[in-house]
Amino acid sequence: MLVISWSGGKDSYLAYHLMREKGFEISYSIHMITEDVPNYHGPEDLLMTQQTQCLGMKSFIVKTTWSDYEKDFKKILLILKRRGVEGVVFGDIFLKDHIEWGRRVASEIGLKAFHPLYEVYQEHGDENKLIELFLRIGVRAMVVRTIDKEPLTVFLGRYVDKDLFDILSINNMDPFGEYG
């Protein structure tokens, strides 16, 4: 049984989907709301709960500060470990410091860290395979938040599809938004 670190975005869902395809049970989600740091993954609370309930998970929504983030994340992991959770899934793609953080934190709690998107990225060397997987499973995702500057704000309210991935790639913008 696993828990997933849930942002509410397409990366979280794709990580969830890939782990389920491999036969893993994901029973819980953790969504961290960092009150003193801008969050480009939002929206929060109600939508997060609705998303994870639709997928059959129980959600933990934790309000924290940047300085307490790791401590509070570990507290939830410890609670879930006592409930039988054996690992935590992360939706990071290529940001090494995020991947190393996830591995370290999971290990310190005695859990296994899973980074399914990073594994696909490492195997193929770019995000094209992730785009292909995202489109194949037929997810309907909408751009609900961007960094507040042009040219990104023109994509607000647009569905994420092949055309959008192509536009972002042609304009040298990260199609998965790893940098926000």
N, C-alpha and C. Protein backbone atom coordinates (compact mmCIF):
# COMPACT_ATOMS: atom_id res chain seq x y z
N MET A 1 0.85 -1.17 0.00
CA MET A 1 0.00 0.00 0.00
C MET A 1 0.90 1.24 0.00
N LEU A 2 0.50 2.25 -0.83
CA LEU A 2 1.31 3.44 -0.99
C LEU A 2 0.51 4.70 -0.68
N VAL A 3 1.25 5.80 -0.49
CA VAL A 3 0.70 7.15 -0.41
C VAL A 3 1.35 7.94 -1.55
N ILE A 4 0.63 8.92 -2.07
CA ILE A 4 1.18 9.77 -3.13
C ILE A 4 1.23 11.21 -2.65
N SER A 5 2.31 11.89 -2.97
CA SER A 5 2.42 13.32 -2.73
C SER A 5 1.64 13.99 -3.87
N TRP A 6 0.53 14.63 -3.53
CA TRP A 6 -0.46 15.05 -4.52
C TRP A 6 -0.50 16.56 -4.67
N SER A 7 -0.19 17.05 -5.87
CA SER A 7 -0.28 18.49 -6.14
C SER A 7 -1.61 18.88 -6.75
N GLY A 8 -2.32 17.89 -7.29
CA GLY A 8 -3.57 18.18 -7.99
C GLY A 8 -3.35 18.39 -9.48
N GLY A 9 -2.10 18.33 -9.91
CA GLY A 9 -1.78 18.57 -11.32
C GLY A 9 -1.64 17.30 -12.13
N LYS A 10 -1.36 17.51 -13.40
CA LYS A 10 -1.26 16.38 -14.34
C LYS A 10 -0.11 15.45 -13.98
N ASP A 11 0.97 15.97 -13.41
CA ASP A 11 2.11 15.12 -13.03
C ASP A 11 1.71 14.13 -11.94
N SER A 12 0.98 14.62 -10.93
CA SER A 12 0.53 13.73 -9.86
C SER A 12 -0.36 12.64 -10.42
N TYR A 13 -1.30 13.04 -11.29
CA TYR A 13 -2.20 12.03 -11.84
C TYR A 13 -1.44 11.02 -12.69
N LEU A 14 -0.51 11.48 -13.51
CA LEU A 14 0.24 10.56 -14.36
C LEU A 14 1.08 9.60 -13.50
N ALA A 15 1.69 10.10 -12.43
CA ALA A 15 2.44 9.23 -11.52
C ALA A 15 1.51 8.20 -10.89
N TYR A 16 0.33 8.64 -10.45
CA TYR A 16 -0.67 7.75 -9.89
C TYR A 16 -1.03 6.66 -10.91
N HIS A 17 -1.33 7.08 -12.10
CA HIS A 17 -1.75 6.14 -13.16
C HIS A 17 -0.65 5.11 -13.46
N LEU A 18 0.58 5.57 -13.59
CA LEU A 18 1.68 4.64 -13.89
C LEU A 18 1.87 3.61 -12.78
N MET A 19 1.76 4.03 -11.53
CA MET A 19 1.91 3.09 -10.42
C MET A 19 0.75 2.11 -10.37
N ARG A 20 -0.46 2.58 -10.65
CA ARG A 20 -1.61 1.67 -10.69
C ARG A 20 -1.47 0.66 -11.83
N GLU A 21 -0.94 1.11 -12.97
CA GLU A 21 -0.70 0.19 -14.09
C GLU A 21 0.26 -0.92 -13.71
N LYS A 22 1.18 -0.61 -12.80
CA LYS A 22 2.14 -1.61 -12.33
C LYS A 22 1.56 -2.49 -11.23
N GLY A 23 0.32 -2.25 -10.85
CA GLY A 23 -0.34 -3.09 -9.86
C GLY A 23 -0.29 -2.61 -8.43
N PHE A 24 0.22 -1.41 -8.19
CA PHE A 24 0.30 -0.89 -6.83
C PHE A 24 -1.03 -0.30 -6.37
N GLU A 25 -1.30 -0.45 -5.09
CA GLU A 25 -2.48 0.15 -4.46
C GLU A 25 -2.05 1.47 -3.82
N ILE A 26 -2.68 2.55 -4.22
CA ILE A 26 -2.40 3.86 -3.61
C ILE A 26 -3.65 4.25 -2.83
N SER A 27 -3.55 4.22 -1.52
CA SER A 27 -4.72 4.41 -0.65
C SER A 27 -4.83 5.82 -0.09
N TYR A 28 -3.73 6.56 -0.07
CA TYR A 28 -3.71 7.88 0.56
C TYR A 28 -3.00 8.89 -0.32
N SER A 29 -3.36 10.15 -0.11
CA SER A 29 -2.65 11.26 -0.75
C SER A 29 -2.30 12.29 0.32
N ILE A 30 -1.20 12.98 0.09
CA ILE A 30 -0.80 14.09 0.95
C ILE A 30 -0.68 15.33 0.07
N HIS A 31 -1.38 16.38 0.45
CA HIS A 31 -1.27 17.66 -0.25
C HIS A 31 -0.79 18.69 0.77
N MET A 32 0.37 19.25 0.51
CA MET A 32 0.96 20.24 1.41
C MET A 32 0.62 21.64 0.91
N ILE A 33 0.02 22.45 1.77
CA ILE A 33 -0.26 23.85 1.45
C ILE A 33 0.75 24.69 2.21
N THR A 34 1.69 25.24 1.49
CA THR A 34 2.75 26.04 2.10
C THR A 34 2.28 27.48 2.10
N GLU A 35 1.90 27.96 3.27
CA GLU A 35 1.23 29.25 3.39
C GLU A 35 2.13 30.46 3.11
N ASP A 36 3.43 30.31 3.27
CA ASP A 36 4.31 31.46 3.10
C ASP A 36 5.11 31.41 1.79
N VAL A 37 4.72 30.53 0.86
CA VAL A 37 5.41 30.41 -0.42
C VAL A 37 4.35 30.33 -1.52
N PRO A 38 4.52 31.11 -2.62
CA PRO A 38 3.53 31.00 -3.71
C PRO A 38 3.46 29.56 -4.23
N ASN A 39 2.25 29.10 -4.51
CA ASN A 39 2.04 27.75 -4.99
C ASN A 39 1.46 27.81 -6.39
N TYR A 40 2.20 27.29 -7.35
CA TYR A 40 1.73 27.29 -8.73
C TYR A 40 0.98 26.01 -9.08
N HIS A 41 0.81 25.11 -8.10
CA HIS A 41 0.08 23.88 -8.36
C HIS A 41 -1.40 24.00 -8.00
N GLY A 42 -1.76 24.95 -7.07
CA GLY A 42 -3.13 25.10 -6.59
C GLY A 42 -4.14 24.55 -7.58
N PRO A 43 -5.36 24.62 -7.40
CA PRO A 43 -6.13 25.10 -6.26
C PRO A 43 -6.05 24.16 -5.07
N GLU A 44 -6.67 24.56 -3.98
CA GLU A 44 -6.44 23.82 -2.75
C GLU A 44 -7.67 23.10 -2.22
N ASP A 45 -7.62 22.73 -0.98
CA ASP A 45 -8.60 22.04 -0.15
C ASP A 45 -9.69 21.24 -0.88
N LEU A 46 -10.79 21.89 -1.20
CA LEU A 46 -11.96 21.17 -1.70
C LEU A 46 -11.66 20.39 -2.98
N LEU A 47 -11.01 21.03 -3.94
CA LEU A 47 -10.72 20.34 -5.20
C LEU A 47 -9.76 19.17 -4.97
N MET A 48 -8.77 19.36 -4.10
CA MET A 48 -7.84 18.27 -3.81
C MET A 48 -8.58 17.07 -3.23
N THR A 49 -9.47 17.34 -2.31
CA THR A 49 -10.25 16.26 -1.68
C THR A 49 -11.13 15.57 -2.72
N GLN A 50 -11.79 16.35 -3.56
CA GLN A 50 -12.65 15.77 -4.59
C GLN A 50 -11.85 14.91 -5.57
N GLN A 51 -10.70 15.41 -5.99
CA GLN A 51 -9.86 14.64 -6.93
C GLN A 51 -9.48 13.29 -6.34
N THR A 52 -8.95 13.31 -5.13
CA THR A 52 -8.45 12.07 -4.55
C THR A 52 -9.57 11.12 -4.16
N GLN A 53 -10.71 11.66 -3.74
CA GLN A 53 -11.85 10.79 -3.44
C GLN A 53 -12.34 10.08 -4.70
N CYS A 54 -12.35 10.78 -5.83
CA CYS A 54 -12.75 10.16 -7.10
C CYS A 54 -11.84 8.99 -7.46
N LEU A 55 -10.61 9.05 -7.00
CA LEU A 55 -9.63 7.99 -7.28
C LEU A 55 -9.59 6.94 -6.17
N GLY A 56 -10.45 7.10 -5.17
CA GLY A 56 -10.54 6.11 -4.11
C GLY A 56 -9.49 6.26 -3.02
N MET A 57 -8.90 7.45 -2.90
CA MET A 57 -7.88 7.68 -1.87
C MET A 57 -8.45 8.54 -0.75
N LYS A 58 -7.89 8.36 0.44
CA LYS A 58 -8.16 9.26 1.55
C LYS A 58 -7.09 10.34 1.50
N SER A 59 -7.50 11.59 1.68
CA SER A 59 -6.52 12.67 1.54
C SER A 59 -6.17 13.31 2.86
N PHE A 60 -4.91 13.66 2.98
CA PHE A 60 -4.39 14.45 4.09
C PHE A 60 -3.98 15.79 3.50
N ILE A 61 -4.63 16.86 3.93
CA ILE A 61 -4.28 18.20 3.48
C ILE A 61 -3.63 18.89 4.67
N VAL A 62 -2.37 19.29 4.50
CA VAL A 62 -1.58 19.81 5.60
C VAL A 62 -1.17 21.24 5.30
N LYS A 63 -1.59 22.16 6.17
CA LYS A 63 -1.15 23.55 6.06
C LYS A 63 0.13 23.69 6.88
N THR A 64 1.13 24.28 6.24
CA THR A 64 2.45 24.37 6.87
C THR A 64 3.15 25.64 6.40
N THR A 65 4.35 25.82 6.89
CA THR A 65 5.23 26.89 6.39
C THR A 65 6.41 26.22 5.71
N TRP A 66 7.15 26.99 4.97
CA TRP A 66 8.31 26.42 4.29
C TRP A 66 9.30 25.84 5.30
N SER A 67 9.50 26.53 6.41
CA SER A 67 10.47 26.04 7.40
C SER A 67 10.01 24.75 8.09
N ASP A 68 8.71 24.50 8.15
CA ASP A 68 8.19 23.28 8.80
C ASP A 68 7.75 22.21 7.81
N TYR A 69 7.91 22.46 6.53
CA TYR A 69 7.39 21.56 5.49
C TYR A 69 7.85 20.12 5.69
N GLU A 70 9.15 19.93 5.77
CA GLU A 70 9.68 18.56 5.88
C GLU A 70 9.21 17.89 7.16
N LYS A 71 9.27 18.59 8.27
CA LYS A 71 8.84 18.03 9.56
C LYS A 71 7.38 17.60 9.49
N ASP A 72 6.52 18.46 8.93
CA ASP A 72 5.10 18.14 8.85
C ASP A 72 4.82 17.02 7.85
N PHE A 73 5.55 16.98 6.77
CA PHE A 73 5.40 15.89 5.79
C PHE A 73 5.77 14.56 6.44
N LYS A 74 6.86 14.56 7.19
CA LYS A 74 7.30 13.33 7.86
C LYS A 74 6.29 12.87 8.91
N LYS A 75 5.65 13.81 9.60
CA LYS A 75 4.63 13.43 10.60
C LYS A 75 3.53 12.62 9.95
N ILE A 76 3.06 13.07 8.79
CA ILE A 76 1.99 12.36 8.09
C ILE A 76 2.50 11.00 7.61
N LEU A 77 3.73 10.97 7.10
CA LEU A 77 4.28 9.69 6.65
C LEU A 77 4.36 8.69 7.80
N LEU A 78 4.74 9.14 8.97
CA LEU A 78 4.81 8.24 10.14
C LEU A 78 3.43 7.69 10.50
N ILE A 79 2.42 8.54 10.47
CA ILE A 79 1.05 8.09 10.75
C ILE A 79 0.64 7.03 9.73
N LEU A 80 0.93 7.29 8.47
CA LEU A 80 0.53 6.37 7.41
C LEU A 80 1.34 5.08 7.44
N LYS A 81 2.59 5.16 7.86
CA LYS A 81 3.39 3.94 8.00
C LYS A 81 2.75 3.02 9.04
N ARG A 82 2.26 3.60 10.13
CA ARG A 82 1.58 2.80 11.15
C ARG A 82 0.28 2.18 10.63
N ARG A 83 -0.26 2.75 9.57
CA ARG A 83 -1.47 2.21 8.94
C ARG A 83 -1.15 1.20 7.84
N GLY A 84 0.13 0.91 7.65
CA GLY A 84 0.51 -0.10 6.68
C GLY A 84 1.10 0.39 5.38
N VAL A 85 1.27 1.70 5.23
CA VAL A 85 1.88 2.24 4.02
C VAL A 85 3.34 1.84 3.97
N GLU A 86 3.78 1.40 2.80
CA GLU A 86 5.16 0.93 2.62
C GLU A 86 6.01 1.84 1.74
N GLY A 87 5.36 2.77 1.03
CA GLY A 87 6.12 3.64 0.15
C GLY A 87 5.35 4.89 -0.20
N VAL A 88 6.08 5.86 -0.77
CA VAL A 88 5.49 7.13 -1.16
C VAL A 88 5.84 7.42 -2.62
N VAL A 89 4.84 7.86 -3.37
CA VAL A 89 4.98 8.16 -4.80
C VAL A 89 5.11 9.67 -4.97
N PHE A 90 6.06 10.07 -5.80
CA PHE A 90 6.26 11.49 -6.12
C PHE A 90 6.11 11.69 -7.63
N GLY A 91 5.65 12.86 -8.04
CA GLY A 91 5.44 13.16 -9.46
C GLY A 91 6.53 14.00 -10.08
N ASP A 92 7.70 14.05 -9.46
CA ASP A 92 8.80 14.84 -10.02
C ASP A 92 9.33 14.18 -11.29
N ILE A 93 9.77 15.01 -12.23
CA ILE A 93 10.23 14.50 -13.51
C ILE A 93 11.75 14.53 -13.63
N PHE A 94 12.36 15.71 -13.46
CA PHE A 94 13.80 15.77 -13.66
C PHE A 94 14.55 16.67 -12.69
N LEU A 95 13.88 17.31 -11.75
CA LEU A 95 14.59 18.19 -10.81
C LEU A 95 15.27 17.33 -9.75
N LYS A 96 16.58 17.18 -9.91
CA LYS A 96 17.36 16.26 -9.07
C LYS A 96 17.20 16.53 -7.58
N ASP A 97 17.19 17.81 -7.18
CA ASP A 97 17.08 18.10 -5.74
C ASP A 97 15.74 17.64 -5.18
N HIS A 98 14.67 17.70 -5.98
CA HIS A 98 13.36 17.20 -5.52
C HIS A 98 13.39 15.68 -5.38
N ILE A 99 14.00 15.03 -6.35
CA ILE A 99 14.07 13.56 -6.34
C ILE A 99 14.91 13.08 -5.16
N GLU A 100 16.05 13.72 -4.95
CA GLU A 100 16.91 13.35 -3.82
C GLU A 100 16.20 13.61 -2.49
N TRP A 101 15.46 14.72 -2.40
CA TRP A 101 14.71 15.03 -1.18
C TRP A 101 13.69 13.93 -0.91
N GLY A 102 12.92 13.55 -1.91
CA GLY A 102 11.92 12.50 -1.74
C GLY A 102 12.52 11.19 -1.29
N ARG A 103 13.64 10.82 -1.89
CA ARG A 103 14.31 9.57 -1.50
C ARG A 103 14.80 9.63 -0.06
N ARG A 104 15.40 10.76 0.31
CA ARG A 104 15.94 10.90 1.65
C ARG A 104 14.84 10.88 2.70
N VAL A 105 13.79 11.67 2.48
CA VAL A 105 12.70 11.76 3.45
C VAL A 105 12.02 10.40 3.62
N ALA A 106 11.72 9.74 2.51
CA ALA A 106 11.09 8.42 2.59
C ALA A 106 11.98 7.44 3.35
N SER A 107 13.26 7.44 3.03
CA SER A 107 14.21 6.54 3.67
C SER A 107 14.30 6.79 5.18
N GLU A 108 14.31 8.05 5.58
CA GLU A 108 14.40 8.39 7.00
C GLU A 108 13.18 7.89 7.78
N ILE A 109 12.05 7.71 7.11
CA ILE A 109 10.84 7.21 7.76
C ILE A 109 10.77 5.68 7.63
N GLY A 110 11.62 5.11 6.79
CA GLY A 110 11.59 3.66 6.57
C GLY A 110 10.64 3.25 5.45
N LEU A 111 10.41 4.17 4.52
CA LEU A 111 9.54 3.91 3.38
C LEU A 111 10.36 3.91 2.08
N LYS A 112 9.80 3.29 1.07
CA LYS A 112 10.42 3.29 -0.25
C LYS A 112 9.88 4.49 -1.04
N ALA A 113 10.75 5.18 -1.76
CA ALA A 113 10.33 6.30 -2.61
C ALA A 113 10.17 5.80 -4.04
N PHE A 114 9.09 6.20 -4.67
CA PHE A 114 8.83 5.88 -6.08
C PHE A 114 8.74 7.18 -6.87
N HIS A 115 9.47 7.23 -7.97
CA HIS A 115 9.45 8.38 -8.88
C HIS A 115 9.19 7.88 -10.30
N PRO A 116 7.96 7.47 -10.60
CA PRO A 116 7.69 6.85 -11.90
C PRO A 116 7.93 7.77 -13.11
N LEU A 117 7.68 9.07 -12.96
CA LEU A 117 7.90 9.98 -14.09
C LEU A 117 9.39 10.17 -14.34
N TYR A 118 10.15 10.25 -13.27
CA TYR A 118 11.61 10.36 -13.39
C TYR A 118 12.18 9.12 -14.07
N GLU A 119 11.65 7.94 -13.74
CA GLU A 119 12.12 6.70 -14.38
C GLU A 119 11.88 6.74 -15.89
N VAL A 120 10.70 7.20 -16.30
CA VAL A 120 10.40 7.30 -17.73
C VAL A 120 11.32 8.33 -18.38
N TYR A 121 11.50 9.47 -17.71
CA TYR A 121 12.38 10.54 -18.21
C TYR A 121 13.81 10.02 -18.38
N GLN A 122 14.31 9.30 -17.38
CA GLN A 122 15.67 8.75 -17.45
C GLN A 122 15.81 7.75 -18.59
N GLU A 123 14.80 6.93 -18.78
CA GLU A 123 14.85 5.91 -19.82
C GLU A 123 14.85 6.51 -21.22
N HIS A 124 14.12 7.63 -21.42
CA HIS A 124 13.96 8.19 -22.76
C HIS A 124 14.73 9.49 -22.98
N GLY A 125 15.23 10.13 -21.92
CA GLY A 125 16.07 11.31 -22.06
C GLY A 125 15.35 12.62 -22.26
N ASP A 126 14.04 12.61 -22.38
CA ASP A 126 13.27 13.85 -22.49
C ASP A 126 11.83 13.58 -22.07
N GLU A 127 11.00 14.60 -22.19
CA GLU A 127 9.62 14.48 -21.73
C GLU A 127 8.67 13.96 -22.80
N ASN A 128 9.15 13.69 -24.00
CA ASN A 128 8.25 13.27 -25.08
C ASN A 128 7.48 12.00 -24.75
N LYS A 129 8.11 11.02 -24.11
CA LYS A 129 7.41 9.80 -23.74
C LYS A 129 6.33 10.08 -22.70
N LEU A 130 6.60 10.99 -21.78
CA LEU A 130 5.59 11.36 -20.79
C LEU A 130 4.40 12.04 -21.45
N ILE A 131 4.67 12.88 -22.43
CA ILE A 131 3.58 13.52 -23.19
C ILE A 131 2.75 12.46 -23.89
N GLU A 132 3.44 11.53 -24.53
CA GLU A 132 2.75 10.43 -25.22
C GLU A 132 1.87 9.63 -24.24
N LEU A 133 2.41 9.31 -23.08
CA LEU A 133 1.64 8.57 -22.07
C LEU A 133 0.43 9.38 -21.60
N PHE A 134 0.64 10.64 -21.34
CA PHE A 134 -0.43 11.52 -20.88
C PHE A 134 -1.57 11.55 -21.89
N LEU A 135 -1.23 11.70 -23.16
CA LEU A 135 -2.25 11.77 -24.21
C LEU A 135 -2.93 10.41 -24.40
N ARG A 136 -2.16 9.33 -24.28
CA ARG A 136 -2.71 7.98 -24.48
C ARG A 136 -3.79 7.64 -23.45
N ILE A 137 -3.59 8.04 -22.20
CA ILE A 137 -4.57 7.64 -21.18
C ILE A 137 -5.82 8.52 -21.20
N GLY A 138 -5.81 9.58 -22.00
CA GLY A 138 -7.01 10.37 -22.20
C GLY A 138 -7.41 11.27 -21.06
N VAL A 139 -6.46 11.76 -20.31
CA VAL A 139 -6.75 12.67 -19.20
C VAL A 139 -7.24 14.01 -19.75
N ARG A 140 -8.24 14.57 -19.11
CA ARG A 140 -8.69 15.93 -19.46
C ARG A 140 -8.20 16.84 -18.34
N ALA A 141 -7.19 17.60 -18.64
CA ALA A 141 -6.62 18.53 -17.67
C ALA A 141 -6.71 19.93 -18.24
N MET A 142 -6.87 20.89 -17.36
CA MET A 142 -6.97 22.29 -17.77
C MET A 142 -5.90 23.10 -17.05
N VAL A 143 -5.34 24.07 -17.74
CA VAL A 143 -4.38 24.98 -17.12
C VAL A 143 -5.17 25.92 -16.23
N VAL A 144 -4.93 25.83 -14.91
CA VAL A 144 -5.67 26.66 -13.95
C VAL A 144 -4.77 27.69 -13.27
N ARG A 145 -3.47 27.55 -13.42
CA ARG A 145 -2.55 28.50 -12.79
C ARG A 145 -1.22 28.46 -13.50
N THR A 146 -0.62 29.63 -13.65
CA THR A 146 0.73 29.74 -14.22
C THR A 146 1.49 30.79 -13.43
N ILE A 147 2.77 30.87 -13.72
CA ILE A 147 3.52 32.02 -13.21
C ILE A 147 2.89 33.24 -13.86
N ASP A 148 2.66 34.29 -13.12
CA ASP A 148 1.88 35.44 -13.58
C ASP A 148 2.72 36.35 -14.49
N LYS A 149 3.00 35.83 -15.69
CA LYS A 149 3.69 36.67 -16.68
C LYS A 149 3.43 36.10 -18.07
N GLU A 150 3.51 36.98 -19.04
CA GLU A 150 3.39 36.54 -20.43
C GLU A 150 4.65 35.75 -20.75
N PRO A 151 4.58 34.78 -21.62
CA PRO A 151 3.42 34.41 -22.43
C PRO A 151 2.55 33.34 -21.77
N LEU A 152 2.85 32.95 -20.55
CA LEU A 152 2.16 31.82 -19.94
C LEU A 152 0.69 32.07 -19.63
N THR A 153 0.33 33.29 -19.24
CA THR A 153 -1.05 33.53 -18.83
C THR A 153 -2.05 33.34 -19.97
N VAL A 154 -1.61 33.37 -21.20
CA VAL A 154 -2.53 33.16 -22.32
C VAL A 154 -3.07 31.73 -22.35
N PHE A 155 -2.44 30.83 -21.61
CA PHE A 155 -2.86 29.43 -21.60
C PHE A 155 -3.89 29.11 -20.52
N LEU A 156 -4.18 30.06 -19.63
CA LEU A 156 -5.16 29.83 -18.57
C LEU A 156 -6.51 29.46 -19.16
N GLY A 157 -7.10 28.41 -18.60
CA GLY A 157 -8.40 27.96 -19.07
C GLY A 157 -8.35 27.04 -20.28
N ARG A 158 -7.18 26.80 -20.78
CA ARG A 158 -7.03 25.94 -21.96
C ARG A 158 -6.83 24.49 -21.53
N TYR A 159 -7.43 23.58 -22.27
CA TYR A 159 -7.21 22.16 -22.00
C TYR A 159 -5.82 21.75 -22.45
N VAL A 160 -5.23 20.85 -21.70
CA VAL A 160 -3.91 20.33 -22.03
C VAL A 160 -4.12 19.22 -23.06
N ASP A 161 -3.60 19.46 -24.26
CA ASP A 161 -3.74 18.50 -25.35
C ASP A 161 -2.46 18.53 -26.20
N LYS A 162 -2.47 17.78 -27.28
CA LYS A 162 -1.28 17.71 -28.13
C LYS A 162 -0.89 19.08 -28.66
N ASP A 163 -1.86 19.87 -29.08
CA ASP A 163 -1.57 21.21 -29.60
C ASP A 163 -0.87 22.08 -28.57
N LEU A 164 -1.33 22.03 -27.33
CA LEU A 164 -0.70 22.83 -26.28
C LEU A 164 0.72 22.34 -26.02
N PHE A 165 0.91 21.02 -25.92
CA PHE A 165 2.26 20.50 -25.74
C PHE A 165 3.17 20.96 -26.87
N ASP A 166 2.67 20.92 -28.12
CA ASP A 166 3.46 21.35 -29.27
C ASP A 166 3.83 22.83 -29.19
N ILE A 167 2.86 23.67 -28.85
CA ILE A 167 3.10 25.12 -28.73
C ILE A 167 4.17 25.39 -27.68
N LEU A 168 4.05 24.74 -26.53
CA LEU A 168 5.03 24.95 -25.46
C LEU A 168 6.42 24.50 -25.89
N SER A 169 6.50 23.34 -26.52
CA SER A 169 7.80 22.81 -26.96
C SER A 169 8.45 23.71 -28.01
N ILE A 170 7.66 24.15 -28.99
CA ILE A 170 8.18 25.02 -30.05
C ILE A 170 8.74 26.31 -29.47
N ASN A 171 8.12 26.80 -28.40
CA ASN A 171 8.54 28.05 -27.77
C ASN A 171 9.52 27.85 -26.62
N ASN A 172 10.14 26.67 -26.58
CA ASN A 172 11.14 26.34 -25.57
C ASN A 172 10.63 26.51 -24.15
N MET A 173 9.36 26.16 -23.93
CA MET A 173 8.78 26.17 -22.59
C MET A 173 8.60 24.72 -22.15
N ASP A 174 8.92 24.45 -20.92
CA ASP A 174 8.80 23.10 -20.39
C ASP A 174 7.33 22.67 -20.43
N PRO A 175 7.00 21.64 -21.20
CA PRO A 175 5.60 21.24 -21.35
C PRO A 175 4.96 20.70 -20.07
N PHE A 176 5.77 20.28 -19.10
CA PHE A 176 5.21 19.80 -17.84
C PHE A 176 5.34 20.84 -16.72
N GLY A 177 5.96 21.97 -17.01
CA GLY A 177 6.00 23.04 -16.03
C GLY A 177 6.78 22.73 -14.77
N GLU A 178 7.85 21.97 -14.88
CA GLU A 178 8.63 21.60 -13.69
C GLU A 178 9.16 22.83 -12.94
N TYR A 179 9.31 23.93 -13.63
CA TYR A 179 9.81 25.14 -12.96
C TYR A 179 8.70 26.11 -12.56
N GLY A 180 7.46 25.62 -12.64
CA GLY A 180 6.32 26.47 -12.26
C GLY A 180 5.54 26.95 -13.45
